[in-house]
Amino acid sequence: MTGYRFSCTNTTCLPFINTFASYILKCQMACLAETQCQAVSFDISTSNCQLFVNISNQIGNIVPDMNTITMITIAGTRVPSELITTTTTTTNTITTTAAVPKYTALLLSDSGGAVQNLISLLQSVGINSTYSPNNVRYYNGTPDAATFGVVIIVTGNSYGYDMTTNGQQSILNAQQNNATGVVLTEWAALQFNNGFWTILRPLQLFTRSSGSTTNITMNLTIPNHPIWNNLSTSFTSTSIVGYNTGGLLINNSTILASCSQCGGGPGVAVRPSSIPAIIGRIVQITHAGHYTSGIANFSWANDINLSTMMINAVKWASNLI
């Protein structure tokens, strides 16, 4: 309803979320991302987006406001919470016309055979990956990162090279504006240390001082976090991996798990989204995935704990759990 807003006379009508949305579509997406949202009002003049619940008895409390557009969801038309939708606004409803499934991943990695193990691992839980050999170096923004639920960056053995400017910008834009999640493994911090991936620096969650190669022990520090589903509070990898040591948290990140071998550095760090419908979640993992050099032998198919943690990280970053 263009030119109308709720006139709240009691607390049951007050919005349960007030947020900023640069344009009306993002306000609609914010409502669709919250399962309890039944209506939304967007103030054109201030870009204020208000999300409402329990509005069944408030329909009569709508008053004229030339700067506000109010929309009410239709019962039964909301897509599942794991989907981000493109919407069409009618005079008084939000209806879905297309959906970008969150079960899609842009996988950026090297050309090693272990990449296929990761693709198969993700596919086993219904996540379809788009990948081409060495795209961690050559990704140029096509396909657009914003069309995926999550971007996974596993450098493997393809470190020491930069990614194209357009590719980095596509990933950053998707995370900051389209709720696309990001999962980083090593050697991401090494790339940042060496002056690469400068556009992606806002996505870095911890630094490094050095690295090593051995079995690693992960110790959960945030109880009951979804990334630790089906994992013991503390576990040691059965495979040998490359990993960071001496890292420090940055960019408002939180340590999810410590790493006993990492010299005080994080094992896993996370950054939840402040605006779930707009800003994507981020996970950074200290081990180097399927990096193979010397005694490192991890391949995504030979360590159930690290593989389970990766699946959970991807699902959490995609807002699936």
C-alpha atoms as a PDB file:
ATOM      1  CA  MET A   1       0.000   0.000   0.000  1.00  0.00           C
ATOM      2  CA  THR A   2       1.732   3.130  -1.185  1.00  0.00           C
ATOM      3  CA  GLY A   3       1.272   6.149   1.069  1.00  0.00           C
ATOM      4  CA  TYR A   4       0.249   4.280   4.238  1.00  0.00           C
ATOM      5  CA  ARG A   5       1.857   3.105   7.479  1.00  0.00           C
ATOM      6  CA  PHE A   6       0.842   1.355  10.687  1.00  0.00           C
ATOM      7  CA  SER A   7      -0.304   3.657  13.481  1.00  0.00           C
ATOM      8  CA  CYS A   8       0.843   1.727  16.534  1.00  0.00           C
ATOM      9  CA  THR A   9      -1.076   2.363  19.737  1.00  0.00           C
ATOM     10  CA  ASN A  10       0.305  -0.586  21.694  1.00  0.00           C
ATOM     11  CA  THR A  11       3.437  -2.697  21.919  1.00  0.00           C
ATOM     12  CA  THR A  12       2.011  -5.581  19.877  1.00  0.00           C
ATOM     13  CA  CYS A  13       2.051  -3.351  16.811  1.00  0.00           C
ATOM     14  CA  LEU A  14       5.565  -2.012  17.256  1.00  0.00           C
ATOM     15  CA  PRO A  15       8.160  -3.270  14.742  1.00  0.00           C
ATOM     16  CA  PHE A  16      10.366  -6.077  16.021  1.00  0.00           C
ATOM     17  CA  ILE A  17      13.195  -4.969  13.712  1.00  0.00           C
ATOM     18  CA  ASN A  18      14.209  -1.504  12.548  1.00  0.00           C
ATOM     19  CA  THR A  19      16.950  -1.500   9.932  1.00  0.00           C
ATOM     20  CA  PHE A  20      18.383   0.534   7.076  1.00  0.00           C
ATOM     21  CA  ALA A  21      17.653  -0.538   3.497  1.00  0.00           C
ATOM     22  CA  SER A  22      19.117   1.376   0.588  1.00  0.00           C
ATOM     23  CA  TYR A  23      16.093   0.568  -1.564  1.00  0.00           C
ATOM     24  CA  ILE A  24      12.722  -1.135  -1.241  1.00  0.00           C
ATOM     25  CA  LEU A  25      13.794  -4.549  -2.552  1.00  0.00           C
ATOM     26  CA  LYS A  26      16.283  -4.920   0.302  1.00  0.00           C
ATOM     27  CA  CYS A  27      13.519  -4.064   2.772  1.00  0.00           C
ATOM     28  CA  GLN A  28      11.339  -6.776   1.223  1.00  0.00           C
ATOM     29  CA  MET A  29      14.239  -9.232   1.412  1.00  0.00           C
ATOM     30  CA  ALA A  30      14.749  -8.391   5.092  1.00  0.00           C
ATOM     31  CA  CYS A  31      11.138  -9.372   5.792  1.00  0.00           C
ATOM     32  CA  LEU A  32      11.346 -12.563   3.760  1.00  0.00           C
ATOM     33  CA  ALA A  33      14.503 -13.582   5.621  1.00  0.00           C
ATOM     34  CA  GLU A  34      12.655 -13.451   8.978  1.00  0.00           C
ATOM     35  CA  THR A  35      10.104 -16.248   9.247  1.00  0.00           C
ATOM     36  CA  GLN A  36       8.005 -14.328  11.794  1.00  0.00           C
ATOM     37  CA  CYS A  37       7.733 -11.193   9.628  1.00  0.00           C
ATOM     38  CA  GLN A  38       4.151 -10.595   8.498  1.00  0.00           C
ATOM     39  CA  ALA A  39       4.410  -7.039   7.194  1.00  0.00           C
ATOM     40  CA  VAL A  40       7.003  -4.435   6.327  1.00  0.00           C
ATOM     41  CA  SER A  41       7.018  -0.661   5.977  1.00  0.00           C
ATOM     42  CA  PHE A  42       9.629   1.219   3.963  1.00  0.00           C
ATOM     43  CA  ASP A  43      10.134   4.956   4.461  1.00  0.00           C
ATOM     44  CA  ILE A  44      11.307   6.375   1.136  1.00  0.00           C
ATOM     45  CA  SER A  45      12.678   9.567   2.676  1.00  0.00           C
ATOM     46  CA  THR A  46      14.837   7.945   5.385  1.00  0.00           C
ATOM     47  CA  SER A  47      15.380   4.390   3.987  1.00  0.00           C
ATOM     48  CA  ASN A  48      14.096   3.077   7.317  1.00  0.00           C
ATOM     49  CA  CYS A  49      12.782  -0.478   7.050  1.00  0.00           C
ATOM     50  CA  GLN A  50      10.392  -1.704   9.765  1.00  0.00           C
ATOM     51  CA  LEU A  51       9.464  -5.377  10.162  1.00  0.00           C
ATOM     52  CA  PHE A  52       6.220  -6.314  11.933  1.00  0.00           C
ATOM     53  CA  VAL A  53       4.726  -9.430  13.495  1.00  0.00           C
ATOM     54  CA  ASN A  54       1.258 -10.035  15.002  1.00  0.00           C
ATOM     55  CA  ILE A  55      -0.402  -7.572  12.640  1.00  0.00           C
ATOM     56  CA  SER A  56      -3.680  -9.490  12.141  1.00  0.00           C
ATOM     57  CA  ASN A  57      -5.487  -7.152  14.528  1.00  0.00           C
ATOM     58  CA  GLN A  58      -3.748  -4.005  13.315  1.00  0.00           C
ATOM     59  CA  ILE A  59      -4.982  -3.792   9.727  1.00  0.00           C
ATOM     60  CA  GLY A  60      -7.498  -1.157  10.795  1.00  0.00           C
ATOM     61  CA  ASN A  61      -4.693   0.944  12.312  1.00  0.00           C
ATOM     62  CA  ILE A  62      -3.231   2.099   8.989  1.00  0.00           C
ATOM     63  CA  VAL A  63      -2.968   5.828   8.430  1.00  0.00           C
ATOM     64  CA  PRO A  64      -1.849   7.949   5.468  1.00  0.00           C
ATOM     65  CA  ASP A  65       1.890   8.721   5.153  1.00  0.00           C
ATOM     66  CA  MET A  66       3.045   9.907   1.749  1.00  0.00           C
ATOM     67  CA  ASN A  67       6.651   8.771   2.356  1.00  0.00           C
ATOM     68  CA  THR A  68       5.842   5.166   3.362  1.00  0.00           C
ATOM     69  CA  ILE A  69       5.087   1.987   1.452  1.00  0.00           C
ATOM     70  CA  THR A  70       3.557  -0.806   3.539  1.00  0.00           C
ATOM     71  CA  MET A  71       3.460  -4.415   2.358  1.00  0.00           C
ATOM     72  CA  ILE A  72       1.837  -7.491   3.893  1.00  0.00           C
ATOM     73  CA  THR A  73       2.992 -11.032   3.207  1.00  0.00           C
ATOM     74  CA  ILE A  74       0.565 -13.618   1.830  1.00  0.00           C
ATOM     75  CA  ALA A  75       0.316 -16.744   3.947  1.00  0.00           C
ATOM     76  CA  GLY A  76       1.748 -19.771   2.161  1.00  0.00           C
ATOM     77  CA  THR A  77       3.829 -17.839  -0.369  1.00  0.00           C
ATOM     78  CA  ARG A  78       6.990 -17.407   1.679  1.00  0.00           C
ATOM     79  CA  VAL A  79       9.911 -19.447   0.422  1.00  0.00           C
ATOM     80  CA  PRO A  80      11.914 -21.538   2.930  1.00  0.00           C
ATOM     81  CA  SER A  81      14.403 -19.628   5.052  1.00  0.00           C
ATOM     82  CA  GLU A  82      17.306 -21.092   3.075  1.00  0.00           C
ATOM     83  CA  LEU A  83      16.249 -19.179  -0.022  1.00  0.00           C
ATOM     84  CA  ILE A  84      16.828 -15.557  -0.925  1.00  0.00           C
ATOM     85  CA  THR A  85      14.055 -14.368  -3.195  1.00  0.00           C
ATOM     86  CA  THR A  86      13.539 -11.851  -5.919  1.00  0.00           C
ATOM     87  CA  THR A  87      10.164 -10.254  -5.280  1.00  0.00           C
ATOM     88  CA  THR A  88       7.432  -8.365  -7.071  1.00  0.00           C
ATOM     89  CA  THR A  89       5.355  -5.829  -5.142  1.00  0.00           C
ATOM     90  CA  THR A  90       1.645  -5.433  -5.856  1.00  0.00           C
ATOM     91  CA  THR A  91      -0.612  -2.834  -4.232  1.00  0.00           C
ATOM     92  CA  ASN A  92      -0.696  -4.582  -0.893  1.00  0.00           C
ATOM     93  CA  THR A  93       1.287  -7.829  -1.017  1.00  0.00           C
ATOM     94  CA  ILE A  94       4.726  -9.345  -1.374  1.00  0.00           C
ATOM     95  CA  THR A  95       4.693 -12.332  -3.738  1.00  0.00           C
ATOM     96  CA  THR A  96       7.675 -14.370  -4.828  1.00  0.00           C
ATOM     97  CA  THR A  97       8.401 -14.737  -8.538  1.00  0.00           C
ATOM     98  CA  ALA A  98      11.857 -16.307  -8.571  1.00  0.00           C
ATOM     99  CA  ALA A  99      14.335 -17.686  -6.074  1.00  0.00           C
ATOM    100  CA  VAL A 100      18.087 -17.976  -5.825  1.00  0.00           C
ATOM    101  CA  PRO A 101      18.672 -21.164  -3.796  1.00  0.00           C
ATOM    102  CA  LYS A 102      21.139 -20.915  -0.960  1.00  0.00           C
ATOM    103  CA  TYR A 103      22.205 -24.472  -1.838  1.00  0.00           C
ATOM    104  CA  THR A 104      24.609 -23.052  -4.441  1.00  0.00           C
ATOM    105  CA  ALA A 105      28.307 -22.392  -3.987  1.00  0.00           C
ATOM    106  CA  LEU A 106      30.941 -20.591  -6.017  1.00  0.00           C
ATOM    107  CA  LEU A 107      34.031 -22.674  -5.307  1.00  0.00           C
ATOM    108  CA  LEU A 108      37.355 -20.959  -5.989  1.00  0.00           C
ATOM    109  CA  SER A 109      40.352 -23.265  -5.749  1.00  0.00           C
ATOM    110  CA  ASP A 110      43.371 -24.733  -7.520  1.00  0.00           C
ATOM    111  CA  SER A 111      43.423 -27.516 -10.094  1.00  0.00           C
ATOM    112  CA  GLY A 112      44.281 -30.423  -7.793  1.00  0.00           C
ATOM    113  CA  GLY A 113      42.334 -33.657  -7.909  1.00  0.00           C
ATOM    114  CA  ALA A 114      41.204 -33.188  -4.309  1.00  0.00           C
ATOM    115  CA  VAL A 115      38.923 -30.350  -5.433  1.00  0.00           C
ATOM    116  CA  GLN A 116      36.565 -32.973  -6.843  1.00  0.00           C
ATOM    117  CA  ASN A 117      36.432 -34.593  -3.406  1.00  0.00           C
ATOM    118  CA  LEU A 118      35.260 -31.275  -1.966  1.00  0.00           C
ATOM    119  CA  ILE A 119      32.682 -30.860  -4.741  1.00  0.00           C
ATOM    120  CA  SER A 120      31.363 -34.369  -4.030  1.00  0.00           C
ATOM    121  CA  LEU A 121      31.330 -33.672  -0.299  1.00  0.00           C
ATOM    122  CA  LEU A 122      29.189 -30.581  -0.789  1.00  0.00           C
ATOM    123  CA  GLN A 123      26.940 -32.340  -3.275  1.00  0.00           C
ATOM    124  CA  SER A 124      26.290 -35.087  -0.714  1.00  0.00           C
ATOM    125  CA  VAL A 125      24.369 -32.514   1.368  1.00  0.00           C
ATOM    126  CA  GLY A 126      22.639 -30.942  -1.622  1.00  0.00           C
ATOM    127  CA  ILE A 127      25.011 -28.017  -2.246  1.00  0.00           C
ATOM    128  CA  ASN A 128      25.876 -27.625  -5.929  1.00  0.00           C
ATOM    129  CA  SER A 129      29.235 -26.027  -6.718  1.00  0.00           C
ATOM    130  CA  THR A 130      30.346 -23.950  -9.691  1.00  0.00           C
ATOM    131  CA  TYR A 131      34.070 -24.449 -10.258  1.00  0.00           C
ATOM    132  CA  SER A 132      36.715 -24.307 -12.971  1.00  0.00           C
ATOM    133  CA  PRO A 133      40.413 -25.237 -12.574  1.00  0.00           C
ATOM    134  CA  ASN A 134      42.551 -22.547 -10.928  1.00  0.00           C
ATOM    135  CA  ASN A 135      39.621 -20.125 -10.723  1.00  0.00           C
ATOM    136  CA  VAL A 136      41.041 -18.930  -7.392  1.00  0.00           C
ATOM    137  CA  ARG A 137      43.520 -17.078  -9.628  1.00  0.00           C
ATOM    138  CA  TYR A 138      41.454 -16.360 -12.730  1.00  0.00           C
ATOM    139  CA  TYR A 139      37.961 -15.626 -11.404  1.00  0.00           C
ATOM    140  CA  ASN A 140      36.924 -12.328 -13.032  1.00  0.00           C
ATOM    141  CA  GLY A 141      33.456 -11.755 -11.603  1.00  0.00           C
ATOM    142  CA  THR A 142      31.668 -14.087 -14.008  1.00  0.00           C
ATOM    143  CA  PRO A 143      29.466 -15.717 -12.874  1.00  0.00           C
ATOM    144  CA  ASP A 144      28.436 -12.996 -10.453  1.00  0.00           C
ATOM    145  CA  ALA A 145      29.157 -14.022  -6.859  1.00  0.00           C
ATOM    146  CA  ALA A 146      25.829 -12.473  -5.834  1.00  0.00           C
ATOM    147  CA  THR A 147      23.954 -15.307  -7.564  1.00  0.00           C
ATOM    148  CA  PHE A 148      25.325 -17.838  -5.063  1.00  0.00           C
ATOM    149  CA  GLY A 149      24.484 -18.609  -1.466  1.00  0.00           C
ATOM    150  CA  VAL A 150      28.154 -18.842  -0.522  1.00  0.00           C
ATOM    151  CA  VAL A 151      31.632 -18.277  -1.942  1.00  0.00           C
ATOM    152  CA  ILE A 152      34.210 -20.853  -0.824  1.00  0.00           C
ATOM    153  CA  ILE A 153      37.875 -19.952  -1.273  1.00  0.00           C
ATOM    154  CA  VAL A 154      40.329 -22.830  -0.825  1.00  0.00           C
ATOM    155  CA  THR A 155      43.685 -21.883  -2.322  1.00  0.00           C
ATOM    156  CA  GLY A 156      45.169 -25.369  -2.011  1.00  0.00           C
ATOM    157  CA  ASN A 157      48.518 -25.228  -3.806  1.00  0.00           C
ATOM    158  CA  SER A 158      47.594 -22.152  -5.851  1.00  0.00           C
ATOM    159  CA  TYR A 159      48.900 -19.489  -3.475  1.00  0.00           C
ATOM    160  CA  GLY A 160      51.329 -16.698  -4.341  1.00  0.00           C
ATOM    161  CA  TYR A 161      49.080 -15.333  -7.089  1.00  0.00           C
ATOM    162  CA  ASP A 162      46.541 -12.546  -7.000  1.00  0.00           C
ATOM    163  CA  MET A 163      42.890 -12.731  -8.032  1.00  0.00           C
ATOM    164  CA  THR A 164      41.548 -10.305 -10.634  1.00  0.00           C
ATOM    165  CA  THR A 165      40.199  -6.986  -9.382  1.00  0.00           C
ATOM    166  CA  ASN A 166      36.765  -7.677 -10.874  1.00  0.00           C
ATOM    167  CA  GLY A 167      36.641 -11.079  -9.193  1.00  0.00           C
ATOM    168  CA  GLN A 168      37.500  -9.680  -5.786  1.00  0.00           C
ATOM    169  CA  GLN A 169      34.999  -6.860  -6.177  1.00  0.00           C
ATOM    170  CA  SER A 170      32.236  -9.278  -7.141  1.00  0.00           C
ATOM    171  CA  ILE A 171      32.821 -11.332  -3.980  1.00  0.00           C
ATOM    172  CA  LEU A 172      32.955  -8.279  -1.716  1.00  0.00           C
ATOM    173  CA  ASN A 173      29.798  -6.783  -3.247  1.00  0.00           C
ATOM    174  CA  ALA A 174      27.948 -10.082  -2.873  1.00  0.00           C
ATOM    175  CA  GLN A 175      28.891 -10.390   0.795  1.00  0.00           C
ATOM    176  CA  GLN A 176      28.108  -6.774   1.658  1.00  0.00           C
ATOM    177  CA  ASN A 177      24.930  -6.303  -0.373  1.00  0.00           C
ATOM    178  CA  ASN A 178      23.369  -9.673  -1.272  1.00  0.00           C
ATOM    179  CA  ALA A 179      23.773 -11.773   1.895  1.00  0.00           C
ATOM    180  CA  THR A 180      26.202 -14.144   0.170  1.00  0.00           C
ATOM    181  CA  GLY A 181      28.298 -15.977   2.748  1.00  0.00           C
ATOM    182  CA  VAL A 182      32.060 -16.458   2.491  1.00  0.00           C
ATOM    183  CA  VAL A 183      34.199 -19.369   3.728  1.00  0.00           C
ATOM    184  CA  LEU A 184      37.993 -18.973   3.709  1.00  0.00           C
ATOM    185  CA  THR A 185      40.630 -21.599   4.393  1.00  0.00           C
ATOM    186  CA  GLU A 186      44.350 -21.161   4.229  1.00  0.00           C
ATOM    187  CA  TRP A 187      46.324 -19.929   2.623  1.00  0.00           C
ATOM    188  CA  ALA A 188      44.011 -16.901   2.776  1.00  0.00           C
ATOM    189  CA  ALA A 189      45.897 -15.144   5.595  1.00  0.00           C
ATOM    190  CA  LEU A 190      49.165 -15.835   3.754  1.00  0.00           C
ATOM    191  CA  GLN A 191      47.741 -14.215   0.635  1.00  0.00           C
ATOM    192  CA  PHE A 192      46.774 -11.125   2.636  1.00  0.00           C
ATOM    193  CA  ASN A 193      50.217 -11.041   4.271  1.00  0.00           C
ATOM    194  CA  ASN A 194      51.870 -11.130   0.868  1.00  0.00           C
ATOM    195  CA  GLY A 195      49.920  -8.144  -0.427  1.00  0.00           C
ATOM    196  CA  PHE A 196      47.364 -10.053  -2.502  1.00  0.00           C
ATOM    197  CA  TRP A 197      43.553  -9.916  -2.366  1.00  0.00           C
ATOM    198  CA  THR A 198      43.582  -6.310  -1.129  1.00  0.00           C
ATOM    199  CA  ILE A 199      39.921  -5.728  -2.041  1.00  0.00           C
ATOM    200  CA  LEU A 200      38.920  -8.769   0.021  1.00  0.00           C
ATOM    201  CA  ARG A 201      40.691  -7.566   3.182  1.00  0.00           C
ATOM    202  CA  PRO A 202      37.393  -6.584   4.900  1.00  0.00           C
ATOM    203  CA  LEU A 203      36.523 -10.298   4.811  1.00  0.00           C
ATOM    204  CA  GLN A 204      39.678 -11.440   6.626  1.00  0.00           C
ATOM    205  CA  LEU A 205      38.942 -12.608  10.170  1.00  0.00           C
ATOM    206  CA  PHE A 206      42.446 -13.342  11.483  1.00  0.00           C
ATOM    207  CA  THR A 207      46.083 -12.829  10.592  1.00  0.00           C
ATOM    208  CA  ARG A 208      49.080 -15.171  10.734  1.00  0.00           C
ATOM    209  CA  SER A 209      52.722 -14.995  11.770  1.00  0.00           C
ATOM    210  CA  SER A 210      53.870 -18.322  10.358  1.00  0.00           C
ATOM    211  CA  GLY A 211      52.662 -21.800   9.461  1.00  0.00           C
ATOM    212  CA  SER A 212      53.369 -25.482   9.964  1.00  0.00           C
ATOM    213  CA  THR A 213      52.245 -28.960   8.924  1.00  0.00           C
ATOM    214  CA  THR A 214      50.992 -31.698  11.272  1.00  0.00           C
ATOM    215  CA  ASN A 215      47.794 -33.063  12.803  1.00  0.00           C
ATOM    216  CA  ILE A 216      45.784 -30.327  14.502  1.00  0.00           C
ATOM    217  CA  THR A 217      43.440 -30.312  17.497  1.00  0.00           C
ATOM    218  CA  MET A 218      40.355 -28.068  17.403  1.00  0.00           C
ATOM    219  CA  ASN A 219      38.738 -26.954  20.689  1.00  0.00           C
ATOM    220  CA  LEU A 220      35.263 -25.402  20.606  1.00  0.00           C
ATOM    221  CA  THR A 221      34.912 -22.100  22.489  1.00  0.00           C
ATOM    222  CA  ILE A 222      31.265 -21.208  21.669  1.00  0.00           C
ATOM    223  CA  PRO A 223      29.019 -24.041  22.931  1.00  0.00           C
ATOM    224  CA  ASN A 224      26.313 -25.418  20.645  1.00  0.00           C
ATOM    225  CA  HIS A 225      27.364 -23.450  17.580  1.00  0.00           C
ATOM    226  CA  PRO A 226      25.908 -24.964  14.356  1.00  0.00           C
ATOM    227  CA  ILE A 227      29.348 -25.254  12.756  1.00  0.00           C
ATOM    228  CA  TRP A 228      30.092 -27.859  15.430  1.00  0.00           C
ATOM    229  CA  ASN A 229      27.042 -30.017  14.664  1.00  0.00           C
ATOM    230  CA  ASN A 230      27.954 -33.712  14.913  1.00  0.00           C
ATOM    231  CA  LEU A 231      31.448 -32.902  16.177  1.00  0.00           C
ATOM    232  CA  SER A 232      33.070 -33.486  19.547  1.00  0.00           C
ATOM    233  CA  THR A 233      33.864 -30.389  21.584  1.00  0.00           C
ATOM    234  CA  SER A 234      37.534 -31.193  20.987  1.00  0.00           C
ATOM    235  CA  PHE A 235      38.897 -33.343  18.182  1.00  0.00           C
ATOM    236  CA  THR A 236      42.229 -34.056  16.508  1.00  0.00           C
ATOM    237  CA  SER A 237      42.483 -34.414  12.749  1.00  0.00           C
ATOM    238  CA  THR A 238      43.329 -37.878  11.506  1.00  0.00           C
ATOM    239  CA  SER A 239      45.100 -36.381   8.499  1.00  0.00           C
ATOM    240  CA  ILE A 240      48.099 -34.062   8.318  1.00  0.00           C
ATOM    241  CA  VAL A 241      47.339 -30.503   7.210  1.00  0.00           C
ATOM    242  CA  GLY A 242      49.064 -27.206   6.656  1.00  0.00           C
ATOM    243  CA  TYR A 243      47.904 -24.490   9.045  1.00  0.00           C
ATOM    244  CA  ASN A 244      48.498 -20.991  10.433  1.00  0.00           C
ATOM    245  CA  THR A 245      50.272 -20.142  13.656  1.00  0.00           C
ATOM    246  CA  GLY A 246      50.197 -16.971  15.728  1.00  0.00           C
ATOM    247  CA  GLY A 247      47.111 -15.412  14.186  1.00  0.00           C
ATOM    248  CA  LEU A 248      45.201 -12.480  15.701  1.00  0.00           C
ATOM    249  CA  LEU A 249      41.495 -11.717  15.333  1.00  0.00           C
ATOM    250  CA  ILE A 250      40.591  -8.695  13.180  1.00  0.00           C
ATOM    251  CA  ASN A 251      37.564  -7.072  11.519  1.00  0.00           C
ATOM    252  CA  ASN A 252      35.126  -7.682  14.406  1.00  0.00           C
ATOM    253  CA  SER A 253      35.489 -11.446  14.245  1.00  0.00           C
ATOM    254  CA  THR A 254      34.907 -13.963  17.038  1.00  0.00           C
ATOM    255  CA  ILE A 255      36.898 -17.096  17.760  1.00  0.00           C
ATOM    256  CA  LEU A 256      34.728 -20.195  17.417  1.00  0.00           C
ATOM    257  CA  ALA A 257      37.451 -22.766  18.062  1.00  0.00           C
ATOM    258  CA  SER A 258      41.035 -22.623  19.209  1.00  0.00           C
ATOM    259  CA  CYS A 259      43.776 -24.734  17.679  1.00  0.00           C
ATOM    260  CA  SER A 260      46.206 -26.390  20.084  1.00  0.00           C
ATOM    261  CA  GLN A 261      49.074 -26.356  17.578  1.00  0.00           C
ATOM    262  CA  CYS A 262      48.481 -22.823  16.285  1.00  0.00           C
ATOM    263  CA  GLY A 263      50.612 -20.860  18.734  1.00  0.00           C
ATOM    264  CA  GLY A 264      47.688 -19.062  20.322  1.00  0.00           C
ATOM    265  CA  GLY A 265      46.050 -18.340  16.978  1.00  0.00           C
ATOM    266  CA  PRO A 266      42.428 -19.204  16.151  1.00  0.00           C
ATOM    267  CA  GLY A 267      41.413 -22.516  14.666  1.00  0.00           C
ATOM    268  CA  VAL A 268      38.106 -21.192  13.345  1.00  0.00           C
ATOM    269  CA  ALA A 269      36.782 -17.627  13.453  1.00  0.00           C
ATOM    270  CA  VAL A 270      33.348 -16.357  12.460  1.00  0.00           C
ATOM    271  CA  ARG A 271      31.576 -13.093  11.829  1.00  0.00           C
ATOM    272  CA  PRO A 272      27.786 -13.282  12.017  1.00  0.00           C
ATOM    273  CA  SER A 273      25.652 -10.954   9.942  1.00  0.00           C
ATOM    274  CA  SER A 274      24.373  -7.722  11.449  1.00  0.00           C
ATOM    275  CA  ILE A 275      21.635  -7.571   8.774  1.00  0.00           C
ATOM    276  CA  PRO A 276      20.870 -11.149   7.654  1.00  0.00           C
ATOM    277  CA  ALA A 277      18.983 -10.201   4.500  1.00  0.00           C
ATOM    278  CA  ILE A 278      21.786  -7.966   3.233  1.00  0.00           C
ATOM    279  CA  ILE A 279      25.174  -8.819   4.749  1.00  0.00           C
ATOM    280  CA  GLY A 280      26.645 -12.320   4.461  1.00  0.00           C
ATOM    281  CA  ARG A 281      28.196 -14.405   7.220  1.00  0.00           C
ATOM    282  CA  ILE A 282      31.938 -15.191   7.126  1.00  0.00           C
ATOM    283  CA  VAL A 283      33.982 -18.164   8.327  1.00  0.00           C
ATOM    284  CA  GLN A 284      37.780 -18.405   8.272  1.00  0.00           C
ATOM    285  CA  ILE A 285      39.465 -21.750   8.982  1.00  0.00           C
ATOM    286  CA  THR A 286      43.134 -22.029   9.903  1.00  0.00           C
ATOM    287  CA  HIS A 287      43.966 -25.218   8.009  1.00  0.00           C
ATOM    288  CA  ALA A 288      44.936 -25.158   4.350  1.00  0.00           C
ATOM    289  CA  GLY A 289      42.347 -27.562   3.010  1.00  0.00           C
ATOM    290  CA  HIS A 290      43.702 -29.991   0.440  1.00  0.00           C
ATOM    291  CA  TYR A 291      47.114 -28.319   0.266  1.00  0.00           C
ATOM    292  CA  THR A 292      49.669 -31.051  -0.408  1.00  0.00           C
ATOM    293  CA  SER A 293      53.365 -30.526   0.185  1.00  0.00           C
ATOM    294  CA  GLY A 294      55.789 -32.685   2.107  1.00  0.00           C
ATOM    295  CA  ILE A 295      53.810 -34.749   4.619  1.00  0.00           C
ATOM    296  CA  ALA A 296      50.437 -32.952   4.219  1.00  0.00           C
ATOM    297  CA  ASN A 297      47.900 -35.546   3.078  1.00  0.00           C
ATOM    298  CA  PHE A 298      44.392 -34.134   3.646  1.00  0.00           C
ATOM    299  CA  SER A 299      42.030 -34.604   0.687  1.00  0.00           C
ATOM    300  CA  TRP A 300      38.434 -33.962   1.969  1.00  0.00           C
ATOM    301  CA  ALA A 301      37.819 -37.701   1.768  1.00  0.00           C
ATOM    302  CA  ASN A 302      40.124 -38.954   4.511  1.00  0.00           C
ATOM    303  CA  ASP A 303      39.125 -36.982   7.638  1.00  0.00           C
ATOM    304  CA  ILE A 304      35.502 -37.071   8.756  1.00  0.00           C
ATOM    305  CA  ASN A 305      35.911 -34.344  11.381  1.00  0.00           C
ATOM    306  CA  LEU A 306      37.481 -31.700   9.145  1.00  0.00           C
ATOM    307  CA  SER A 307      35.067 -32.568   6.345  1.00  0.00           C
ATOM    308  CA  THR A 308      32.043 -32.318   8.652  1.00  0.00           C
ATOM    309  CA  MET A 309      33.289 -28.986   9.952  1.00  0.00           C
ATOM    310  CA  MET A 310      33.607 -27.708   6.374  1.00  0.00           C
ATOM    311  CA  ILE A 311      30.084 -28.805   5.443  1.00  0.00           C
ATOM    312  CA  ASN A 312      28.719 -27.101   8.547  1.00  0.00           C
ATOM    313  CA  ALA A 313      30.738 -23.946   7.860  1.00  0.00           C
ATOM    314  CA  VAL A 314      29.381 -23.719   4.327  1.00  0.00           C
ATOM    315  CA  LYS A 315      25.810 -24.321   5.505  1.00  0.00           C
ATOM    316  CA  TRP A 316      26.146 -21.742   8.297  1.00  0.00           C
ATOM    317  CA  ALA A 317      27.634 -19.143   5.939  1.00  0.00           C
ATOM    318  CA  SER A 318      24.719 -19.835   3.578  1.00  0.00           C
ATOM    319  CA  ASN A 319      22.159 -19.306   6.371  1.00  0.00           C
ATOM    320  CA  LEU A 320      21.041 -22.923   6.064  1.00  0.00           C
ATOM    321  CA  ILE A 321      21.715 -23.664   9.742  1.00  0.00           C
END
